[in-house]
Amino acid sequence: MTTEQLYDKLSVMSALREQRLQNAQLIVDQPDLIPKLLDIVFLVDDEVSCRAAWVLEFVCTINLELIYPHLNRYFNELQRIHLDSAVRPVAKICELLTKAYYSKKDHSLQSILTRHHKEKIVECCFDWLINDEKIAPKAFAMTSLYLIGQDIDWIHPELEQILKRDFHQQSAGFKARAKQILNKIGKYRN
């Protein structure tokens, strides 16, 4: 399948979970399509890029290891993504990667995710938190930053400051996740 054929397939895909899952399974069954999927994800001004990002999120949920060979490209281009419908799934992928990296299980990602990759996650996550993004990317960002903050000591104080500053102006979903993260940091007080 060419990039153009995959683009055409994604351009007629609806947001229905069943269709996203069906297209994700196509990619999982043919991992050589991942670079083509990424080509479409990074057409950042094209609405089809959002659909490609939805599919990539499902691919990563099914088999996170499929993105490992493409992490350099993913993180080098991640900051370019700006459409709301694409930001949510790429933020979720960052959360999936950080959760896998920091899981207690012996996980192959721990030898693959570099400091540079983590720095890119941190940069994007702080951007998502301080910019006018919807709640989902902010929630995924909080979790990612909390986890990476276990290794990089300046992150937790910055994260705490942002969460406390924005707490009363944000949605109930933001407040719930922020409270959970602040409790984990050990700084939340009623």
N, C-alpha and C. Protein backbone atom coordinates (compact mmCIF):
# COMPACT_ATOMS: atom_id res chain seq x y z
N MET A 1 0.84 -1.17 0.00
CA MET A 1 0.00 0.00 0.00
C MET A 1 0.89 1.24 0.00
N THR A 2 0.61 2.18 -0.86
CA THR A 2 1.38 3.41 -0.93
C THR A 2 0.87 4.40 0.13
N THR A 3 1.63 5.45 0.35
CA THR A 3 1.20 6.50 1.27
C THR A 3 -0.10 7.12 0.79
N GLU A 4 -0.20 7.32 -0.52
CA GLU A 4 -1.41 7.91 -1.10
C GLU A 4 -2.62 7.01 -0.87
N GLN A 5 -2.45 5.71 -1.03
CA GLN A 5 -3.56 4.78 -0.80
C GLN A 5 -3.98 4.78 0.67
N LEU A 6 -2.99 4.81 1.55
CA LEU A 6 -3.30 4.86 2.98
C LEU A 6 -4.00 6.18 3.31
N TYR A 7 -3.53 7.27 2.74
CA TYR A 7 -4.16 8.58 2.93
C TYR A 7 -5.62 8.52 2.49
N ASP A 8 -5.86 7.96 1.33
CA ASP A 8 -7.23 7.85 0.82
C ASP A 8 -8.11 7.02 1.76
N LYS A 9 -7.54 5.93 2.26
CA LYS A 9 -8.29 5.06 3.18
C LYS A 9 -8.64 5.82 4.47
N LEU A 10 -7.68 6.58 4.98
CA LEU A 10 -7.92 7.33 6.21
C LEU A 10 -8.85 8.51 6.00
N SER A 11 -8.83 9.06 4.80
CA SER A 11 -9.65 10.25 4.53
C SER A 11 -11.15 9.94 4.56
N VAL A 12 -11.52 8.68 4.35
CA VAL A 12 -12.93 8.31 4.40
C VAL A 12 -13.31 7.61 5.72
N MET A 13 -12.35 7.48 6.61
CA MET A 13 -12.59 6.85 7.91
C MET A 13 -13.34 7.82 8.81
N SER A 14 -14.32 7.32 9.52
CA SER A 14 -15.03 8.15 10.50
C SER A 14 -14.33 8.03 11.85
N ALA A 15 -14.83 8.76 12.82
CA ALA A 15 -14.27 8.71 14.16
C ALA A 15 -14.75 7.51 14.97
N LEU A 16 -15.60 6.70 14.39
CA LEU A 16 -16.11 5.53 15.10
C LEU A 16 -14.96 4.64 15.56
N ARG A 17 -15.04 4.21 16.80
CA ARG A 17 -14.00 3.37 17.38
C ARG A 17 -13.74 2.14 16.53
N GLU A 18 -14.80 1.54 16.03
CA GLU A 18 -14.67 0.33 15.21
C GLU A 18 -13.79 0.59 13.97
N GLN A 19 -13.99 1.72 13.34
CA GLN A 19 -13.20 2.03 12.15
C GLN A 19 -11.74 2.36 12.50
N ARG A 20 -11.55 3.06 13.60
CA ARG A 20 -10.18 3.35 14.04
C ARG A 20 -9.45 2.06 14.37
N LEU A 21 -10.14 1.16 15.04
CA LEU A 21 -9.55 -0.13 15.41
C LEU A 21 -9.25 -0.97 14.18
N GLN A 22 -10.16 -0.97 13.23
CA GLN A 22 -9.96 -1.73 11.99
C GLN A 22 -8.72 -1.23 11.24
N ASN A 23 -8.56 0.07 11.14
CA ASN A 23 -7.39 0.63 10.46
C ASN A 23 -6.11 0.40 11.26
N ALA A 24 -6.22 0.46 12.57
CA ALA A 24 -5.05 0.17 13.41
C ALA A 24 -4.61 -1.27 13.22
N GLN A 25 -5.57 -2.18 13.14
CA GLN A 25 -5.22 -3.59 12.96
C GLN A 25 -4.52 -3.81 11.62
N LEU A 26 -4.92 -3.07 10.60
CA LEU A 26 -4.24 -3.12 9.30
C LEU A 26 -2.76 -2.77 9.47
N ILE A 27 -2.48 -1.73 10.25
CA ILE A 27 -1.10 -1.30 10.48
C ILE A 27 -0.36 -2.32 11.33
N VAL A 28 -1.00 -2.83 12.36
CA VAL A 28 -0.37 -3.85 13.22
C VAL A 28 0.00 -5.08 12.38
N ASP A 29 -0.89 -5.46 11.46
CA ASP A 29 -0.63 -6.62 10.61
C ASP A 29 0.43 -6.35 9.54
N GLN A 30 0.63 -5.06 9.22
CA GLN A 30 1.63 -4.68 8.22
C GLN A 30 2.47 -3.52 8.77
N PRO A 31 3.37 -3.81 9.71
CA PRO A 31 4.14 -2.75 10.38
C PRO A 31 4.99 -1.90 9.43
N ASP A 32 5.23 -2.41 8.22
CA ASP A 32 5.97 -1.61 7.23
C ASP A 32 5.17 -0.37 6.81
N LEU A 33 3.90 -0.30 7.19
CA LEU A 33 3.07 0.87 6.88
C LEU A 33 3.26 2.00 7.90
N ILE A 34 3.94 1.73 9.00
CA ILE A 34 4.08 2.77 10.04
C ILE A 34 4.78 4.02 9.50
N PRO A 35 5.88 3.93 8.76
CA PRO A 35 6.46 5.17 8.23
C PRO A 35 5.47 5.96 7.35
N LYS A 36 4.65 5.26 6.61
CA LYS A 36 3.64 5.93 5.77
C LYS A 36 2.57 6.57 6.65
N LEU A 37 2.18 5.88 7.70
CA LEU A 37 1.22 6.45 8.64
C LEU A 37 1.80 7.70 9.28
N LEU A 38 3.08 7.65 9.66
CA LEU A 38 3.72 8.82 10.25
C LEU A 38 3.80 9.97 9.25
N ASP A 39 4.05 9.64 7.97
CA ASP A 39 4.04 10.70 6.94
C ASP A 39 2.72 11.46 6.99
N ILE A 40 1.64 10.74 7.17
CA ILE A 40 0.31 11.36 7.18
C ILE A 40 0.07 12.08 8.51
N VAL A 41 0.49 11.48 9.62
CA VAL A 41 0.35 12.14 10.92
C VAL A 41 1.02 13.52 10.90
N PHE A 42 2.17 13.60 10.24
CA PHE A 42 2.93 14.84 10.26
C PHE A 42 2.58 15.79 9.11
N LEU A 43 1.47 15.55 8.44
CA LEU A 43 0.87 16.55 7.54
C LEU A 43 0.02 17.43 8.44
N VAL A 44 0.66 18.20 9.28
CA VAL A 44 0.04 18.80 10.46
C VAL A 44 -1.08 19.80 10.18
N ASP A 45 -1.19 20.30 8.97
CA ASP A 45 -2.27 21.24 8.65
C ASP A 45 -3.43 20.57 7.93
N ASP A 46 -3.35 19.27 7.77
CA ASP A 46 -4.35 18.49 7.03
C ASP A 46 -5.21 17.73 8.04
N GLU A 47 -6.52 17.83 7.91
CA GLU A 47 -7.43 17.14 8.84
C GLU A 47 -7.24 15.62 8.83
N VAL A 48 -6.77 15.07 7.74
CA VAL A 48 -6.53 13.62 7.69
C VAL A 48 -5.42 13.22 8.64
N SER A 49 -4.53 14.17 8.96
CA SER A 49 -3.47 13.87 9.93
C SER A 49 -4.06 13.49 11.28
N CYS A 50 -5.20 14.08 11.62
CA CYS A 50 -5.88 13.74 12.88
C CYS A 50 -6.32 12.28 12.86
N ARG A 51 -6.87 11.86 11.76
CA ARG A 51 -7.32 10.46 11.64
C ARG A 51 -6.14 9.51 11.72
N ALA A 52 -5.04 9.91 11.09
CA ALA A 52 -3.82 9.09 11.16
C ALA A 52 -3.32 9.01 12.60
N ALA A 53 -3.41 10.11 13.33
CA ALA A 53 -2.99 10.11 14.73
C ALA A 53 -3.89 9.21 15.58
N TRP A 54 -5.20 9.22 15.27
CA TRP A 54 -6.11 8.32 16.00
C TRP A 54 -5.70 6.87 15.78
N VAL A 55 -5.38 6.54 14.55
CA VAL A 55 -4.98 5.17 14.21
C VAL A 55 -3.66 4.83 14.89
N LEU A 56 -2.70 5.76 14.87
CA LEU A 56 -1.41 5.52 15.51
C LEU A 56 -1.58 5.27 17.01
N GLU A 57 -2.48 6.01 17.64
CA GLU A 57 -2.74 5.77 19.06
C GLU A 57 -3.24 4.34 19.29
N PHE A 58 -4.17 3.90 18.46
CA PHE A 58 -4.68 2.53 18.60
C PHE A 58 -3.59 1.50 18.33
N VAL A 59 -2.75 1.76 17.34
CA VAL A 59 -1.62 0.86 17.06
C VAL A 59 -0.75 0.73 18.30
N CYS A 60 -0.44 1.86 18.92
CA CYS A 60 0.41 1.86 20.11
C CYS A 60 -0.27 1.19 21.30
N THR A 61 -1.59 1.31 21.37
CA THR A 61 -2.34 0.65 22.44
C THR A 61 -2.31 -0.87 22.25
N ILE A 62 -2.40 -1.30 21.00
CA ILE A 62 -2.38 -2.73 20.69
C ILE A 62 -0.98 -3.31 20.88
N ASN A 63 0.03 -2.60 20.32
CA ASN A 63 1.40 -3.09 20.38
C ASN A 63 2.36 -1.91 20.37
N LEU A 64 2.68 -1.41 21.55
CA LEU A 64 3.51 -0.22 21.69
C LEU A 64 4.88 -0.39 21.03
N GLU A 65 5.38 -1.61 21.02
CA GLU A 65 6.72 -1.85 20.47
C GLU A 65 6.83 -1.52 18.99
N LEU A 66 5.71 -1.45 18.29
CA LEU A 66 5.77 -1.16 16.86
C LEU A 66 6.27 0.26 16.58
N ILE A 67 6.14 1.16 17.53
CA ILE A 67 6.62 2.52 17.30
C ILE A 67 8.09 2.70 17.69
N TYR A 68 8.66 1.76 18.40
CA TYR A 68 10.03 1.90 18.88
C TYR A 68 11.04 2.24 17.78
N PRO A 69 11.00 1.56 16.63
CA PRO A 69 11.98 1.91 15.59
C PRO A 69 11.80 3.32 15.02
N HIS A 70 10.69 3.95 15.34
CA HIS A 70 10.36 5.25 14.74
C HIS A 70 10.36 6.39 15.77
N LEU A 71 10.90 6.12 16.96
CA LEU A 71 10.85 7.12 18.03
C LEU A 71 11.61 8.39 17.69
N ASN A 72 12.77 8.27 17.04
CA ASN A 72 13.52 9.49 16.69
C ASN A 72 12.67 10.41 15.82
N ARG A 73 12.09 9.86 14.79
CA ARG A 73 11.26 10.69 13.92
C ARG A 73 10.04 11.23 14.69
N TYR A 74 9.40 10.37 15.44
CA TYR A 74 8.22 10.78 16.19
C TYR A 74 8.52 11.99 17.07
N PHE A 75 9.59 11.89 17.84
CA PHE A 75 9.89 12.97 18.76
C PHE A 75 10.48 14.20 18.08
N ASN A 76 11.16 14.02 16.97
CA ASN A 76 11.69 15.18 16.25
C ASN A 76 10.59 16.02 15.61
N GLU A 77 9.46 15.40 15.31
CA GLU A 77 8.37 16.12 14.64
C GLU A 77 7.16 16.38 15.54
N LEU A 78 7.18 15.85 16.73
CA LEU A 78 6.02 15.91 17.62
C LEU A 78 5.52 17.33 17.87
N GLN A 79 6.42 18.27 18.09
CA GLN A 79 6.01 19.64 18.43
C GLN A 79 5.27 20.34 17.30
N ARG A 80 5.36 19.84 16.10
CA ARG A 80 4.67 20.47 14.97
C ARG A 80 3.16 20.24 15.00
N ILE A 81 2.74 19.20 15.71
CA ILE A 81 1.31 18.84 15.72
C ILE A 81 0.55 19.89 16.53
N HIS A 82 -0.52 20.42 15.92
CA HIS A 82 -1.25 21.50 16.58
C HIS A 82 -2.77 21.38 16.49
N LEU A 83 -3.29 20.57 15.60
CA LEU A 83 -4.75 20.42 15.52
C LEU A 83 -5.24 19.64 16.74
N ASP A 84 -6.30 20.15 17.38
CA ASP A 84 -6.80 19.53 18.62
C ASP A 84 -7.01 18.03 18.50
N SER A 85 -7.60 17.61 17.39
CA SER A 85 -7.92 16.19 17.22
C SER A 85 -6.69 15.32 17.03
N ALA A 86 -5.55 15.94 16.73
CA ALA A 86 -4.30 15.19 16.60
C ALA A 86 -3.47 15.28 17.88
N VAL A 87 -3.60 16.39 18.60
CA VAL A 87 -2.81 16.56 19.83
C VAL A 87 -3.20 15.50 20.86
N ARG A 88 -4.49 15.23 21.03
CA ARG A 88 -4.93 14.26 22.03
C ARG A 88 -4.29 12.89 21.84
N PRO A 89 -4.35 12.29 20.63
CA PRO A 89 -3.74 10.97 20.51
C PRO A 89 -2.22 10.96 20.64
N VAL A 90 -1.53 12.01 20.18
CA VAL A 90 -0.07 11.99 20.33
C VAL A 90 0.33 12.21 21.79
N ALA A 91 -0.48 12.97 22.54
CA ALA A 91 -0.23 13.12 23.97
C ALA A 91 -0.46 11.78 24.68
N LYS A 92 -1.48 11.05 24.25
CA LYS A 92 -1.75 9.72 24.81
C LYS A 92 -0.59 8.78 24.54
N ILE A 93 -0.02 8.86 23.34
CA ILE A 93 1.13 8.00 23.00
C ILE A 93 2.31 8.33 23.92
N CYS A 94 2.52 9.61 24.20
CA CYS A 94 3.57 9.99 25.15
C CYS A 94 3.32 9.38 26.52
N GLU A 95 2.05 9.41 26.95
CA GLU A 95 1.71 8.81 28.23
C GLU A 95 1.95 7.29 28.20
N LEU A 96 1.54 6.63 27.12
CA LEU A 96 1.77 5.19 27.00
C LEU A 96 3.27 4.87 27.08
N LEU A 97 4.07 5.67 26.40
CA LEU A 97 5.52 5.44 26.40
C LEU A 97 6.11 5.66 27.79
N THR A 98 5.71 6.73 28.47
CA THR A 98 6.28 6.97 29.80
C THR A 98 5.81 5.93 30.81
N LYS A 99 4.55 5.53 30.71
CA LYS A 99 4.07 4.48 31.61
C LYS A 99 4.83 3.17 31.38
N ALA A 100 5.07 2.84 30.13
CA ALA A 100 5.81 1.61 29.83
C ALA A 100 7.25 1.72 30.33
N TYR A 101 7.86 2.87 30.13
CA TYR A 101 9.25 3.08 30.55
C TYR A 101 9.40 2.95 32.06
N TYR A 102 8.45 3.51 32.79
CA TYR A 102 8.54 3.52 34.25
C TYR A 102 7.80 2.37 34.92
N SER A 103 7.30 1.42 34.13
CA SER A 103 6.62 0.28 34.74
C SER A 103 7.63 -0.57 35.50
N LYS A 104 7.14 -1.30 36.45
CA LYS A 104 8.02 -2.13 37.28
C LYS A 104 8.50 -3.38 36.54
N LYS A 105 7.82 -3.68 35.44
CA LYS A 105 8.21 -4.84 34.65
C LYS A 105 9.50 -4.54 33.90
N ASP A 106 10.24 -5.59 33.59
CA ASP A 106 11.42 -5.44 32.73
C ASP A 106 10.89 -5.17 31.33
N HIS A 107 11.06 -3.98 30.86
CA HIS A 107 10.45 -3.58 29.60
C HIS A 107 11.53 -3.14 28.62
N SER A 108 11.41 -3.59 27.39
CA SER A 108 12.43 -3.30 26.38
C SER A 108 12.57 -1.80 26.10
N LEU A 109 11.53 -1.03 26.37
CA LEU A 109 11.59 0.41 26.12
C LEU A 109 12.65 1.08 26.97
N GLN A 110 12.96 0.52 28.11
CA GLN A 110 13.94 1.13 29.01
C GLN A 110 15.32 1.22 28.39
N SER A 111 15.60 0.40 27.40
CA SER A 111 16.89 0.49 26.72
C SER A 111 16.80 1.27 25.40
N ILE A 112 15.60 1.71 25.05
CA ILE A 112 15.38 2.39 23.77
C ILE A 112 15.07 3.86 23.93
N LEU A 113 14.25 4.21 24.92
CA LEU A 113 13.85 5.61 25.12
C LEU A 113 15.04 6.37 25.70
N THR A 114 15.55 7.32 24.94
CA THR A 114 16.76 8.04 25.33
C THR A 114 16.43 9.28 26.15
N ARG A 115 17.45 9.88 26.69
CA ARG A 115 17.28 11.15 27.41
C ARG A 115 16.71 12.21 26.46
N HIS A 116 17.19 12.21 25.23
CA HIS A 116 16.68 13.16 24.22
C HIS A 116 15.18 12.96 24.01
N HIS A 117 14.73 11.72 23.92
CA HIS A 117 13.31 11.45 23.76
C HIS A 117 12.53 11.98 24.97
N LYS A 118 13.05 11.71 26.16
CA LYS A 118 12.36 12.18 27.37
C LYS A 118 12.32 13.71 27.40
N GLU A 119 13.38 14.36 26.96
CA GLU A 119 13.39 15.83 26.91
C GLU A 119 12.33 16.35 25.95
N LYS A 120 12.13 15.66 24.84
CA LYS A 120 11.09 16.07 23.88
C LYS A 120 9.70 15.88 24.49
N ILE A 121 9.51 14.78 25.21
CA ILE A 121 8.23 14.56 25.88
C ILE A 121 7.98 15.68 26.89
N VAL A 122 8.99 16.00 27.68
CA VAL A 122 8.86 17.04 28.70
C VAL A 122 8.50 18.37 28.05
N GLU A 123 9.21 18.72 27.01
CA GLU A 123 8.97 19.99 26.31
C GLU A 123 7.53 20.06 25.79
N CYS A 124 7.09 19.02 25.11
CA CYS A 124 5.73 19.01 24.56
C CYS A 124 4.69 19.01 25.67
N CYS A 125 4.91 18.22 26.71
CA CYS A 125 3.94 18.13 27.80
C CYS A 125 3.78 19.46 28.51
N PHE A 126 4.87 20.15 28.76
CA PHE A 126 4.72 21.47 29.39
C PHE A 126 4.00 22.43 28.45
N ASP A 127 4.27 22.34 27.16
CA ASP A 127 3.54 23.18 26.19
C ASP A 127 2.04 22.88 26.25
N TRP A 128 1.69 21.60 26.27
CA TRP A 128 0.27 21.24 26.31
C TRP A 128 -0.40 21.72 27.60
N LEU A 129 0.35 21.68 28.69
CA LEU A 129 -0.21 22.13 29.97
C LEU A 129 -0.44 23.63 30.01
N ILE A 130 0.49 24.40 29.48
CA ILE A 130 0.37 25.86 29.62
C ILE A 130 -0.39 26.51 28.47
N ASN A 131 -0.53 25.81 27.35
CA ASN A 131 -1.28 26.37 26.22
C ASN A 131 -2.76 26.04 26.35
N ASP A 132 -3.52 26.61 25.48
CA ASP A 132 -4.97 26.44 25.49
C ASP A 132 -5.34 25.12 24.81
N GLU A 133 -5.08 24.03 25.49
CA GLU A 133 -5.41 22.70 24.99
C GLU A 133 -6.62 22.18 25.74
N LYS A 134 -7.22 21.16 25.19
CA LYS A 134 -8.35 20.51 25.87
C LYS A 134 -7.83 19.70 27.05
N ILE A 135 -8.75 19.19 27.86
CA ILE A 135 -8.37 18.50 29.09
C ILE A 135 -7.58 17.22 28.84
N ALA A 136 -7.92 16.44 27.83
CA ALA A 136 -7.25 15.14 27.65
C ALA A 136 -5.74 15.28 27.47
N PRO A 137 -5.26 16.12 26.54
CA PRO A 137 -3.80 16.26 26.42
C PRO A 137 -3.15 16.77 27.71
N LYS A 138 -3.84 17.65 28.41
CA LYS A 138 -3.30 18.15 29.68
C LYS A 138 -3.18 17.01 30.70
N ALA A 139 -4.20 16.16 30.76
CA ALA A 139 -4.17 15.04 31.71
C ALA A 139 -3.06 14.06 31.36
N PHE A 140 -2.93 13.74 30.08
CA PHE A 140 -1.85 12.83 29.66
C PHE A 140 -0.49 13.45 29.97
N ALA A 141 -0.39 14.77 29.76
CA ALA A 141 0.86 15.48 30.01
C ALA A 141 1.23 15.43 31.49
N MET A 142 0.23 15.61 32.37
CA MET A 142 0.50 15.57 33.81
C MET A 142 1.12 14.24 34.21
N THR A 143 0.53 13.16 33.72
CA THR A 143 1.04 11.83 34.07
C THR A 143 2.45 11.64 33.54
N SER A 144 2.68 12.01 32.29
CA SER A 144 4.01 11.86 31.69
C SER A 144 5.05 12.67 32.46
N LEU A 145 4.70 13.91 32.78
CA LEU A 145 5.65 14.77 33.50
C LEU A 145 5.91 14.24 34.91
N TYR A 146 4.87 13.76 35.56
CA TYR A 146 5.08 13.19 36.90
C TYR A 146 6.08 12.03 36.83
N LEU A 147 5.87 11.13 35.88
CA LEU A 147 6.74 9.95 35.78
C LEU A 147 8.18 10.35 35.44
N ILE A 148 8.36 11.19 34.45
CA ILE A 148 9.72 11.60 34.06
C ILE A 148 10.35 12.42 35.18
N GLY A 149 9.54 13.12 35.94
CA GLY A 149 10.04 13.90 37.07
C GLY A 149 10.68 13.05 38.16
N GLN A 150 10.48 11.76 38.11
CA GLN A 150 11.17 10.87 39.04
C GLN A 150 12.66 10.81 38.74
N ASP A 151 13.03 11.13 37.49
CA ASP A 151 14.43 11.11 37.08
C ASP A 151 15.04 12.50 36.93
N ILE A 152 14.21 13.48 36.61
CA ILE A 152 14.71 14.84 36.36
C ILE A 152 14.13 15.74 37.45
N ASP A 153 14.99 16.16 38.36
CA ASP A 153 14.52 16.76 39.61
C ASP A 153 13.80 18.10 39.49
N TRP A 154 14.00 18.85 38.45
CA TRP A 154 13.34 20.16 38.33
C TRP A 154 11.89 20.07 37.86
N ILE A 155 11.47 18.90 37.36
CA ILE A 155 10.14 18.78 36.76
C ILE A 155 9.02 18.86 37.80
N HIS A 156 9.14 18.14 38.90
CA HIS A 156 8.05 18.13 39.89
C HIS A 156 7.75 19.52 40.44
N PRO A 157 8.75 20.32 40.80
CA PRO A 157 8.42 21.67 41.29
C PRO A 157 7.73 22.54 40.22
N GLU A 158 8.15 22.44 38.98
CA GLU A 158 7.52 23.20 37.89
C GLU A 158 6.09 22.71 37.66
N LEU A 159 5.94 21.40 37.64
CA LEU A 159 4.61 20.81 37.44
C LEU A 159 3.68 21.22 38.57
N GLU A 160 4.16 21.13 39.79
CA GLU A 160 3.35 21.53 40.94
C GLU A 160 2.90 22.99 40.83
N GLN A 161 3.81 23.85 40.46
CA GLN A 161 3.50 25.27 40.34
C GLN A 161 2.41 25.52 39.29
N ILE A 162 2.53 24.88 38.14
CA ILE A 162 1.53 25.05 37.07
C ILE A 162 0.18 24.50 37.50
N LEU A 163 0.18 23.32 38.10
CA LEU A 163 -1.09 22.71 38.51
C LEU A 163 -1.80 23.54 39.57
N LYS A 164 -1.06 24.04 40.54
CA LYS A 164 -1.67 24.86 41.58
C LYS A 164 -2.15 26.20 41.01
N ARG A 165 -1.38 26.78 40.10
CA ARG A 165 -1.75 28.06 39.50
C ARG A 165 -3.05 27.94 38.71
N ASP A 166 -3.18 26.86 37.95
CA ASP A 166 -4.32 26.70 37.04
C ASP A 166 -5.50 25.96 37.66
N PHE A 167 -5.32 25.44 38.85
CA PHE A 167 -6.31 24.53 39.45
C PHE A 167 -7.73 25.11 39.45
N HIS A 168 -7.91 26.31 39.93
CA HIS A 168 -9.26 26.86 40.11
C HIS A 168 -9.89 27.36 38.82
N GLN A 169 -9.11 27.50 37.77
CA GLN A 169 -9.65 28.01 36.50
C GLN A 169 -9.98 26.89 35.53
N GLN A 170 -9.65 25.68 35.86
CA GLN A 170 -9.78 24.58 34.92
C GLN A 170 -11.03 23.74 35.19
N SER A 171 -11.26 22.79 34.31
CA SER A 171 -12.43 21.92 34.38
C SER A 171 -12.32 20.91 35.53
N ALA A 172 -13.42 20.24 35.78
CA ALA A 172 -13.44 19.21 36.83
C ALA A 172 -12.47 18.08 36.49
N GLY A 173 -12.36 17.74 35.21
CA GLY A 173 -11.43 16.69 34.79
C GLY A 173 -9.99 17.07 35.07
N PHE A 174 -9.65 18.31 34.77
CA PHE A 174 -8.30 18.81 35.05
C PHE A 174 -8.04 18.75 36.55
N LYS A 175 -9.01 19.23 37.34
CA LYS A 175 -8.84 19.26 38.79
C LYS A 175 -8.63 17.86 39.37
N ALA A 176 -9.40 16.91 38.86
CA ALA A 176 -9.28 15.54 39.36
C ALA A 176 -7.89 14.97 39.10
N ARG A 177 -7.41 15.14 37.86
CA ARG A 177 -6.07 14.61 37.53
C ARG A 177 -5.00 15.40 38.27
N ALA A 178 -5.15 16.72 38.34
CA ALA A 178 -4.15 17.54 39.03
C ALA A 178 -4.04 17.14 40.50
N LYS A 179 -5.19 16.94 41.13
CA LYS A 179 -5.18 16.55 42.54
C LYS A 179 -4.46 15.21 42.71
N GLN A 180 -4.74 14.28 41.81
CA GLN A 180 -4.08 12.97 41.85
C GLN A 180 -2.56 13.12 41.71
N ILE A 181 -2.13 13.93 40.77
CA ILE A 181 -0.69 14.13 40.54
C ILE A 181 -0.05 14.87 41.71
N LEU A 182 -0.73 15.90 42.20
CA LEU A 182 -0.19 16.64 43.35
C LEU A 182 -0.07 15.74 44.57
N ASN A 183 -1.04 14.86 44.76
CA ASN A 183 -0.94 13.89 45.87
C ASN A 183 0.28 13.00 45.68
N LYS A 184 0.51 12.57 44.46
CA LYS A 184 1.67 11.72 44.20
C LYS A 184 2.97 12.47 44.45
N ILE A 185 3.00 13.72 44.07
CA ILE A 185 4.20 14.52 44.32
C ILE A 185 4.36 14.71 45.84
N GLY A 186 3.26 14.61 46.56
CA GLY A 186 3.33 14.74 48.01
C GLY A 186 3.18 16.16 48.49
N LYS A 187 2.65 17.01 47.64
CA LYS A 187 2.59 18.43 47.97
C LYS A 187 1.16 18.94 48.12
N TYR A 188 0.19 18.14 47.76
CA TYR A 188 -1.18 18.65 47.77
C TYR A 188 -1.70 18.77 49.20
N ARG A 189 -2.23 19.96 49.49
CA ARG A 189 -2.84 20.19 50.81
C ARG A 189 -4.21 20.83 50.59
N ASN A 190 -5.18 20.41 51.34
CA ASN A 190 -6.54 21.00 51.22
C ASN A 190 -6.57 22.42 51.74
